[in-house]
């Protein structure tokens, strides 16, 4: 299993433990990719997963730069435009996974960025 696949699996397990319902994994469009699309109560959450070793210089949230955010936003708009039901709200989250030698920490940043920002 590739490193990215491994951490996305761990991310899904973590999100499920927090009450999220996973809708899609690795949703791709011509605009980009969204790692996980999940429902948190009535809100659709577009989630970018970033795994880091504990000694990494750039945090997961910092790694989601303006260019990456724009791709995620365009892909999310494409996804939403193809839904039959468009009720409810959506947001953009980043799930940072920090891996130590014998530990793992999850930092879920809800509303990490906005559609208009």
Protein backbone atom coordinates (compact mmCIF):
# COMPACT_ATOMS: atom_id res chain seq x y z
CA UNK A 1 0.00 0.00 0.00
CA UNK A 2 1.39 3.38 -1.00
CA UNK A 3 2.06 5.96 1.74
CA UNK A 4 -0.77 8.24 0.56
CA UNK A 5 -3.27 5.37 0.45
CA UNK A 6 -2.21 4.25 3.93
CA UNK A 7 -2.78 7.68 5.47
CA UNK A 8 -6.04 8.24 3.61
CA UNK A 9 -7.27 4.94 5.09
CA UNK A 10 -6.23 6.14 8.57
CA UNK A 11 -7.95 9.47 7.85
CA UNK A 12 -11.23 7.73 6.93
CA UNK A 13 -11.06 5.63 10.11
CA UNK A 14 -10.50 8.77 12.19
CA UNK A 15 -13.33 10.67 10.49
CA UNK A 16 -15.75 7.76 10.98
CA UNK A 17 -14.85 7.69 14.68
CA UNK A 18 -15.87 11.38 14.81
CA UNK A 19 -19.27 10.66 13.26
CA UNK A 20 -18.53 11.52 9.64
CA UNK A 21 -20.15 9.46 6.87
CA UNK A 22 -17.74 8.93 3.97
CA UNK A 23 -19.33 9.67 0.59
CA UNK A 24 -16.40 9.48 -1.87
CA UNK A 25 -12.67 8.84 -1.88
CA UNK A 26 -10.27 10.46 -4.32
CA UNK A 27 -12.90 12.31 -6.32
CA UNK A 28 -11.29 13.55 -9.54
CA UNK A 29 -12.36 16.07 -12.10
CA UNK A 30 -10.52 17.95 -14.82
CA UNK A 31 -9.89 20.65 -12.18
CA UNK A 32 -8.19 18.49 -9.57
CA UNK A 33 -8.78 15.93 -6.84
CA UNK A 34 -10.42 15.89 -3.43
CA UNK A 35 -9.06 13.26 -1.05
CA UNK A 36 -12.27 12.62 0.90
CA UNK A 37 -15.83 13.86 0.60
CA UNK A 38 -17.81 13.18 3.77
CA UNK A 39 -20.95 14.26 5.59
CA UNK A 40 -20.63 15.81 9.04
CA UNK A 41 -24.25 15.88 10.19
CA UNK A 42 -25.91 17.88 7.36
CA UNK A 43 -22.75 19.53 6.07
CA UNK A 44 -20.77 18.12 3.14
CA UNK A 45 -17.08 18.35 3.95
CA UNK A 46 -14.39 18.38 1.26
CA UNK A 47 -11.31 17.11 3.08
CA UNK A 48 -7.66 17.40 2.09
CA UNK A 49 -5.44 14.90 3.92
CA UNK A 50 -1.83 15.85 4.66
CA UNK A 51 0.49 13.41 6.42
CA UNK A 52 3.73 14.65 7.96
CA UNK A 53 6.56 13.16 9.98
CA UNK A 54 6.92 14.81 13.39
CA UNK A 55 10.10 16.64 12.28
CA UNK A 56 8.57 18.12 9.10
CA UNK A 57 9.21 21.84 8.68
CA UNK A 58 5.93 22.68 6.89
CA UNK A 59 2.66 21.80 8.61
CA UNK A 60 -0.18 20.10 6.77
CA UNK A 61 -2.30 23.25 6.71
CA UNK A 62 0.64 25.29 5.36
CA UNK A 63 1.10 22.72 2.61
CA UNK A 64 -2.38 23.48 1.26
CA UNK A 65 -1.29 26.62 -0.55
CA UNK A 66 -3.41 29.01 -2.61
CA UNK A 67 -2.98 26.98 -5.81
CA UNK A 68 -4.07 23.75 -4.10
CA UNK A 69 -7.04 25.50 -2.48
CA UNK A 70 -8.19 26.84 -5.87
CA UNK A 71 -8.07 23.33 -7.38
CA UNK A 72 -10.04 21.91 -4.46
CA UNK A 73 -12.65 24.69 -4.71
CA UNK A 74 -13.13 24.19 -8.47
CA UNK A 75 -13.39 20.43 -8.01
CA UNK A 76 -15.92 20.90 -5.19
CA UNK A 77 -18.04 23.20 -7.37
CA UNK A 78 -17.95 20.59 -10.13
CA UNK A 79 -19.03 17.89 -7.64
CA UNK A 80 -21.86 20.01 -6.19
CA UNK A 81 -23.11 21.04 -9.65
CA UNK A 82 -23.61 17.37 -10.53
CA UNK A 83 -25.67 16.50 -7.43
CA UNK A 84 -29.36 15.95 -7.86
CA UNK A 85 -30.08 17.36 -4.41
CA UNK A 86 -28.31 20.58 -3.62
CA UNK A 87 -29.70 21.30 -0.19
CA UNK A 88 -27.39 21.65 2.77
CA UNK A 89 -24.12 23.43 3.19
CA UNK A 90 -20.52 22.52 2.51
CA UNK A 91 -17.10 23.43 3.83
CA UNK A 92 -13.41 22.77 3.28
CA UNK A 93 -11.46 20.91 5.95
CA UNK A 94 -7.84 19.84 6.23
CA UNK A 95 -6.92 16.72 8.17
CA UNK A 96 -3.29 16.80 9.19
CA UNK A 97 -1.77 13.52 10.34
CA UNK A 98 1.50 13.85 12.21
CA UNK A 99 3.43 10.60 12.50
CA UNK A 100 6.04 10.03 15.20
CA UNK A 101 8.14 6.93 15.73
CA UNK A 102 5.55 5.31 18.02
CA UNK A 103 2.59 7.67 17.89
CA UNK A 104 0.20 9.38 15.49
CA UNK A 105 -1.69 12.63 15.99
CA UNK A 106 -4.73 13.83 14.02
CA UNK A 107 -5.48 17.55 13.67
CA UNK A 108 -8.80 18.24 11.98
CA UNK A 109 -9.08 21.85 10.87
CA UNK A 110 -12.73 22.52 10.05
CA UNK A 111 -13.37 25.44 7.71
CA UNK A 112 -9.66 25.58 6.90
CA UNK A 113 -10.46 27.89 4.00
CA UNK A 114 -13.52 29.37 2.41
CA UNK A 115 -14.94 29.52 -1.09
CA UNK A 116 -14.48 33.30 -1.22
CA UNK A 117 -11.03 33.35 0.36
